[in-house]
């Protein structure tokens, strides 16, 4: 009977370890994607900054 209880304990350790490995892998993949697309993000932000021009005064108004 004690052997069955140890099997259950190990089962949950395996489940917890597998979840930890999966979460770690997802975070590493996400981080590498952020690093890979960082130059593109900077370019988009620069283009948005260039396009964000405000008209301070309208010369057609009297």
PDB file of N, CA and C in Angstrom:
ATOM      1  N   UNK A   1       0.830  -1.193   0.000  1.00  0.00           N
ATOM      2  CA  UNK A   1       0.000   0.000   0.000  1.00  0.00           C
ATOM      3  C   UNK A   1       0.869   1.250   0.000  1.00  0.00           C
ATOM      4  N   UNK A   2       2.007   1.224   0.709  1.00  0.00           N
ATOM      5  CA  UNK A   2       2.876   2.409   0.744  1.00  0.00           C
ATOM      6  C   UNK A   2       3.509   2.661  -0.621  1.00  0.00           C
ATOM      7  N   UNK A   3       3.701   1.611  -1.414  1.00  0.00           N
ATOM      8  CA  UNK A   3       4.258   1.794  -2.758  1.00  0.00           C
ATOM      9  C   UNK A   3       3.293   2.572  -3.647  1.00  0.00           C
ATOM     10  N   UNK A   4       2.007   2.329  -3.502  1.00  0.00           N
ATOM     11  CA  UNK A   4       1.029   3.057  -4.297  1.00  0.00           C
ATOM     12  C   UNK A   4       1.003   4.535  -3.920  1.00  0.00           C
ATOM     13  N   UNK A   5       1.146   4.825  -2.650  1.00  0.00           N
ATOM     14  CA  UNK A   5       1.171   6.213  -2.208  1.00  0.00           C
ATOM     15  C   UNK A   5       2.397   6.928  -2.764  1.00  0.00           C
ATOM     16  N   UNK A   6       3.534   6.265  -2.822  1.00  0.00           N
ATOM     17  CA  UNK A   6       4.732   6.876  -3.398  1.00  0.00           C
ATOM     18  C   UNK A   6       4.546   7.122  -4.887  1.00  0.00           C
ATOM     19  N   UNK A   7       3.879   6.234  -5.582  1.00  0.00           N
ATOM     20  CA  UNK A   7       3.620   6.415  -7.009  1.00  0.00           C
ATOM     21  C   UNK A   7       2.770   7.666  -7.251  1.00  0.00           C
ATOM     22  N   UNK A   8       1.766   7.878  -6.408  1.00  0.00           N
ATOM     23  CA  UNK A   8       0.931   9.064  -6.554  1.00  0.00           C
ATOM     24  C   UNK A   8       1.760  10.325  -6.317  1.00  0.00           C
ATOM     25  N   UNK A   9       2.626  10.304  -5.305  1.00  0.00           N
ATOM     26  CA  UNK A   9       3.469  11.463  -5.028  1.00  0.00           C
ATOM     27  C   UNK A   9       4.382  11.749  -6.214  1.00  0.00           C
ATOM     28  N   UNK A  10       4.996  10.726  -6.765  1.00  0.00           N
ATOM     29  CA  UNK A  10       5.873  10.916  -7.913  1.00  0.00           C
ATOM     30  C   UNK A  10       5.094  11.392  -9.135  1.00  0.00           C
ATOM     31  N   UNK A  11       3.890  10.881  -9.288  1.00  0.00           N
ATOM     32  CA  UNK A  11       3.072  11.309 -10.430  1.00  0.00           C
ATOM     33  C   UNK A  11       2.880  12.815 -10.413  1.00  0.00           C
ATOM     34  N   UNK A  12       2.549  13.376  -9.261  1.00  0.00           N
ATOM     35  CA  UNK A  12       2.332  14.817  -9.196  1.00  0.00           C
ATOM     36  C   UNK A  12       3.637  15.593  -9.349  1.00  0.00           C
ATOM     37  N   UNK A  13       4.740  15.018  -8.907  1.00  0.00           N
ATOM     38  CA  UNK A  13       6.044  15.647  -9.155  1.00  0.00           C
ATOM     39  C   UNK A  13       6.325  15.690 -10.649  1.00  0.00           C
ATOM     40  N   UNK A  14       6.005  14.597 -11.353  1.00  0.00           N
ATOM     41  CA  UNK A  14       6.204  14.571 -12.799  1.00  0.00           C
ATOM     42  C   UNK A  14       5.304  15.580 -13.500  1.00  0.00           C
ATOM     43  N   UNK A  15       4.074  15.663 -13.086  1.00  0.00           N
ATOM     44  CA  UNK A  15       3.146  16.626 -13.668  1.00  0.00           C
ATOM     45  C   UNK A  15       3.651  18.053 -13.428  1.00  0.00           C
ATOM     46  N   UNK A  16       4.068  18.335 -12.197  1.00  0.00           N
ATOM     47  CA  UNK A  16       4.591  19.659 -11.880  1.00  0.00           C
ATOM     48  C   UNK A  16       5.852  19.977 -12.671  1.00  0.00           C
ATOM     49  N   UNK A  17       6.729  19.008 -12.807  1.00  0.00           N
ATOM     50  CA  UNK A  17       7.959  19.196 -13.593  1.00  0.00           C
ATOM     51  C   UNK A  17       7.660  19.431 -15.060  1.00  0.00           C
ATOM     52  N   UNK A  18       6.710  18.686 -15.602  1.00  0.00           N
ATOM     53  CA  UNK A  18       6.344  18.868 -17.011  1.00  0.00           C
ATOM     54  C   UNK A  18       5.749  20.250 -17.240  1.00  0.00           C
ATOM     55  N   UNK A  19       4.903  20.696 -16.332  1.00  0.00           N
ATOM     56  CA  UNK A  19       4.318  22.039 -16.457  1.00  0.00           C
ATOM     57  C   UNK A  19       5.406  23.098 -16.371  1.00  0.00           C
ATOM     58  N   UNK A  20       6.346  22.922 -15.467  1.00  0.00           N
ATOM     59  CA  UNK A  20       7.450  23.867 -15.325  1.00  0.00           C
ATOM     60  C   UNK A  20       8.287  23.933 -16.607  1.00  0.00           C
ATOM     61  N   UNK A  21       8.567  22.781 -17.201  1.00  0.00           N
ATOM     62  CA  UNK A  21       9.342  22.733 -18.438  1.00  0.00           C
ATOM     63  C   UNK A  21       8.582  23.414 -19.576  1.00  0.00           C
ATOM     64  N   UNK A  22       7.289  23.172 -19.675  1.00  0.00           N
ATOM     65  CA  UNK A  22       6.484  23.765 -20.746  1.00  0.00           C
ATOM     66  C   UNK A  22       6.415  25.275 -20.588  1.00  0.00           C
ATOM     67  N   UNK A  23       6.180  25.756 -19.378  1.00  0.00           N
ATOM     68  CA  UNK A  23       6.104  27.203 -19.139  1.00  0.00           C
ATOM     69  C   UNK A  23       7.447  27.862 -19.438  1.00  0.00           C
ATOM     70  N   UNK A  24       8.541  27.222 -19.015  1.00  0.00           N
ATOM     71  CA  UNK A  24       9.875  27.764 -19.284  1.00  0.00           C
ATOM     72  C   UNK A  24      10.136  27.839 -20.781  1.00  0.00           C
ATOM     73  N   UNK A  25       9.765  26.802 -21.506  1.00  0.00           N
ATOM     74  CA  UNK A  25       9.961  26.796 -22.957  1.00  0.00           C
ATOM     75  C   UNK A  25       9.157  27.906 -23.616  1.00  0.00           C
ATOM     76  N   UNK A  26       7.928  28.109 -23.197  1.00  0.00           N
ATOM     77  CA  UNK A  26       7.093  29.165 -23.770  1.00  0.00           C
ATOM     78  C   UNK A  26       7.714  30.529 -23.501  1.00  0.00           C
ATOM     79  N   UNK A  27       8.199  30.753 -22.292  1.00  0.00           N
ATOM     80  CA  UNK A  27       8.816  32.037 -21.954  1.00  0.00           C
ATOM     81  C   UNK A  27      10.090  32.271 -22.759  1.00  0.00           C
ATOM     82  N   UNK A  28      10.895  31.237 -22.955  1.00  0.00           N
ATOM     83  CA  UNK A  28      12.115  31.378 -23.748  1.00  0.00           C
ATOM     84  C   UNK A  28      11.805  31.680 -25.204  1.00  0.00           C
ATOM     85  N   UNK A  29      10.800  31.028 -25.748  1.00  0.00           N
ATOM     86  CA  UNK A  29      10.402  31.290 -27.134  1.00  0.00           C
ATOM     87  C   UNK A  29       9.880  32.705 -27.268  1.00  0.00           C
ATOM     88  N   UNK A  30       9.074  33.137 -26.328  1.00  0.00           N
ATOM     89  CA  UNK A  30       8.527  34.492 -26.347  1.00  0.00           C
ATOM     90  C   UNK A  30       9.643  35.528 -26.280  1.00  0.00           C
ATOM     91  N   UNK A  31      10.635  35.295 -25.423  1.00  0.00           N
ATOM     92  CA  UNK A  31      11.759  36.217 -25.285  1.00  0.00           C
ATOM     93  C   UNK A  31      12.558  36.291 -26.582  1.00  0.00           C
ATOM     94  N   UNK A  32      12.786  35.151 -27.232  1.00  0.00           N
ATOM     95  CA  UNK A  32      13.557  35.162 -28.473  1.00  0.00           C
ATOM     96  C   UNK A  32      12.786  35.875 -29.584  1.00  0.00           C
ATOM     97  N   UNK A  33      11.458  35.762 -29.574  1.00  0.00           N
ATOM     98  CA  UNK A  33      10.661  36.485 -30.571  1.00  0.00           C
ATOM     99  C   UNK A  33      10.747  37.983 -30.334  1.00  0.00           C
ATOM    100  N   UNK A  34      10.720  38.413 -29.079  1.00  0.00           N
ATOM    101  CA  UNK A  34      10.838  39.835 -28.771  1.00  0.00           C
ATOM    102  C   UNK A  34      12.179  40.377 -29.248  1.00  0.00           C
ATOM    103  N   UNK A  35      13.257  39.610 -29.034  1.00  0.00           N
ATOM    104  CA  UNK A  35      14.577  40.038 -29.475  1.00  0.00           C
ATOM    105  C   UNK A  35      14.668  40.068 -30.992  1.00  0.00           C
ATOM    106  N   UNK A  36      14.027  39.106 -31.647  1.00  0.00           N
ATOM    107  CA  UNK A  36      14.103  39.009 -33.102  1.00  0.00           C
ATOM    108  C   UNK A  36      13.372  40.174 -33.761  1.00  0.00           C
ATOM    109  N   UNK A  37      12.253  40.593 -33.207  1.00  0.00           N
ATOM    110  CA  UNK A  37      11.449  41.630 -33.824  1.00  0.00           C
ATOM    111  C   UNK A  37      11.695  43.016 -33.245  1.00  0.00           C
ATOM    112  N   UNK A  38      12.682  43.156 -32.372  1.00  0.00           N
ATOM    113  CA  UNK A  38      12.979  44.465 -31.767  1.00  0.00           C
ATOM    114  C   UNK A  38      13.346  45.520 -32.805  1.00  0.00           C
ATOM    115  N   UNK A  39      14.193  45.221 -33.811  1.00  0.00           N
ATOM    116  CA  UNK A  39      14.499  46.245 -34.814  1.00  0.00           C
ATOM    117  C   UNK A  39      13.269  46.688 -35.613  1.00  0.00           C
ATOM    118  N   UNK A  40      12.392  45.752 -35.899  1.00  0.00           N
ATOM    119  CA  UNK A  40      11.173  46.093 -36.640  1.00  0.00           C
ATOM    120  C   UNK A  40      10.288  46.986 -35.783  1.00  0.00           C
ATOM    121  N   UNK A  41      10.183  46.679 -34.505  1.00  0.00           N
ATOM    122  CA  UNK A  41       9.378  47.491 -33.591  1.00  0.00           C
ATOM    123  C   UNK A  41       9.938  48.905 -33.499  1.00  0.00           C
ATOM    124  N   UNK A  42      11.261  49.031 -33.433  1.00  0.00           N
ATOM    125  CA  UNK A  42      11.881  50.357 -33.382  1.00  0.00           C
ATOM    126  C   UNK A  42      11.603  51.135 -34.665  1.00  0.00           C
ATOM    127  N   UNK A  43      11.636  50.455 -35.802  1.00  0.00           N
ATOM    128  CA  UNK A  43      11.370  51.116 -37.073  1.00  0.00           C
ATOM    129  C   UNK A  43       9.925  51.599 -37.129  1.00  0.00           C
ATOM    130  N   UNK A  44       8.996  50.794 -36.685  1.00  0.00           N
ATOM    131  CA  UNK A  44       7.585  51.180 -36.672  1.00  0.00           C
ATOM    132  C   UNK A  44       7.372  52.371 -35.750  1.00  0.00           C
ATOM    133  N   UNK A  45       8.007  52.351 -34.581  1.00  0.00           N
ATOM    134  CA  UNK A  45       7.876  53.479 -33.646  1.00  0.00           C
ATOM    135  C   UNK A  45       8.458  54.753 -34.249  1.00  0.00           C
ATOM    136  N   UNK A  46       9.582  54.629 -34.968  1.00  0.00           N
ATOM    137  CA  UNK A  46      10.188  55.803 -35.605  1.00  0.00           C
ATOM    138  C   UNK A  46       9.267  56.352 -36.700  1.00  0.00           C
ATOM    139  N   UNK A  47       8.675  55.470 -37.482  1.00  0.00           N
ATOM    140  CA  UNK A  47       7.752  55.912 -38.528  1.00  0.00           C
ATOM    141  C   UNK A  47       6.518  56.582 -37.926  1.00  0.00           C
ATOM    142  N   UNK A  48       6.009  56.025 -36.840  1.00  0.00           N
ATOM    143  CA  UNK A  48       4.856  56.636 -36.172  1.00  0.00           C
ATOM    144  C   UNK A  48       5.212  58.009 -35.626  1.00  0.00           C
ATOM    145  N   UNK A  49       6.416  58.138 -35.096  1.00  0.00           N
ATOM    146  CA  UNK A  49       6.849  59.437 -34.575  1.00  0.00           C
ATOM    147  C   UNK A  49       6.960  60.465 -35.696  1.00  0.00           C
ATOM    148  N   UNK A  50       7.423  60.039 -36.852  1.00  0.00           N
ATOM    149  CA  UNK A  50       7.536  60.953 -37.989  1.00  0.00           C
ATOM    150  C   UNK A  50       6.157  61.356 -38.518  1.00  0.00           C
ATOM    151  N   UNK A  51       5.215  60.438 -38.451  1.00  0.00           N
ATOM    152  CA  UNK A  51       3.881  60.724 -38.985  1.00  0.00           C
ATOM    153  C   UNK A  51       3.023  61.490 -37.985  1.00  0.00           C
ATOM    154  N   UNK A  52       3.441  61.585 -36.756  1.00  0.00           N
ATOM    155  CA  UNK A  52       2.669  62.259 -35.715  1.00  0.00           C
ATOM    156  C   UNK A  52       3.044  63.744 -35.696  1.00  0.00           C
ATOM    157  N   UNK A  53       2.646  64.439 -36.744  1.00  0.00           N
ATOM    158  CA  UNK A  53       2.944  65.864 -36.871  1.00  0.00           C
ATOM    159  C   UNK A  53       1.660  66.634 -36.594  1.00  0.00           C
ATOM    160  N   UNK A  54       1.752  67.592 -35.702  1.00  0.00           N
ATOM    161  CA  UNK A  54       0.581  68.398 -35.376  1.00  0.00           C
ATOM    162  C   UNK A  54       0.663  69.717 -36.129  1.00  0.00           C
ATOM    163  N   UNK A  55      -0.474  70.164 -36.560  1.00  0.00           N
ATOM    164  CA  UNK A  55      -0.531  71.469 -37.200  1.00  0.00           C
ATOM    165  C   UNK A  55      -0.726  72.487 -36.085  1.00  0.00           C
ATOM    166  N   UNK A  56       0.288  73.344 -35.892  1.00  0.00           N
ATOM    167  CA  UNK A  56       0.238  74.293 -34.787  1.00  0.00           C
ATOM    168  C   UNK A  56      -0.670  75.472 -35.131  1.00  0.00           C
ATOM    169  N   UNK A  57      -0.612  75.915 -36.348  1.00  0.00           N
ATOM    170  CA  UNK A  57      -1.489  77.023 -36.733  1.00  0.00           C
ATOM    171  C   UNK A  57      -1.892  76.821 -38.186  1.00  0.00           C
ATOM    172  N   UNK A  58      -3.135  77.159 -38.473  1.00  0.00           N
ATOM    173  CA  UNK A  58      -3.643  77.036 -39.838  1.00  0.00           C
ATOM    174  C   UNK A  58      -3.594  78.419 -40.474  1.00  0.00           C
ATOM    175  N   UNK A  59      -2.833  78.557 -41.532  1.00  0.00           N
ATOM    176  CA  UNK A  59      -2.645  79.868 -42.166  1.00  0.00           C
ATOM    177  C   UNK A  59      -3.887  80.326 -42.931  1.00  0.00           C
ATOM    178  N   UNK A  60      -4.876  79.452 -43.155  1.00  0.00           N
ATOM    179  CA  UNK A  60      -6.066  79.846 -43.893  1.00  0.00           C
ATOM    180  C   UNK A  60      -7.108  80.511 -42.992  1.00  0.00           C
ATOM    181  N   UNK A  61      -6.955  80.376 -41.691  1.00  0.00           N
ATOM    182  CA  UNK A  61      -7.920  81.027 -40.788  1.00  0.00           C
ATOM    183  C   UNK A  61      -7.620  82.501 -40.683  1.00  0.00           C
ATOM    184  N   UNK A  62      -8.689  83.310 -40.526  1.00  0.00           N
ATOM    185  CA  UNK A  62      -8.506  84.765 -40.418  1.00  0.00           C
ATOM    186  C   UNK A  62      -8.847  85.257 -39.050  1.00  0.00           C
TER     187      UNK A  62
END
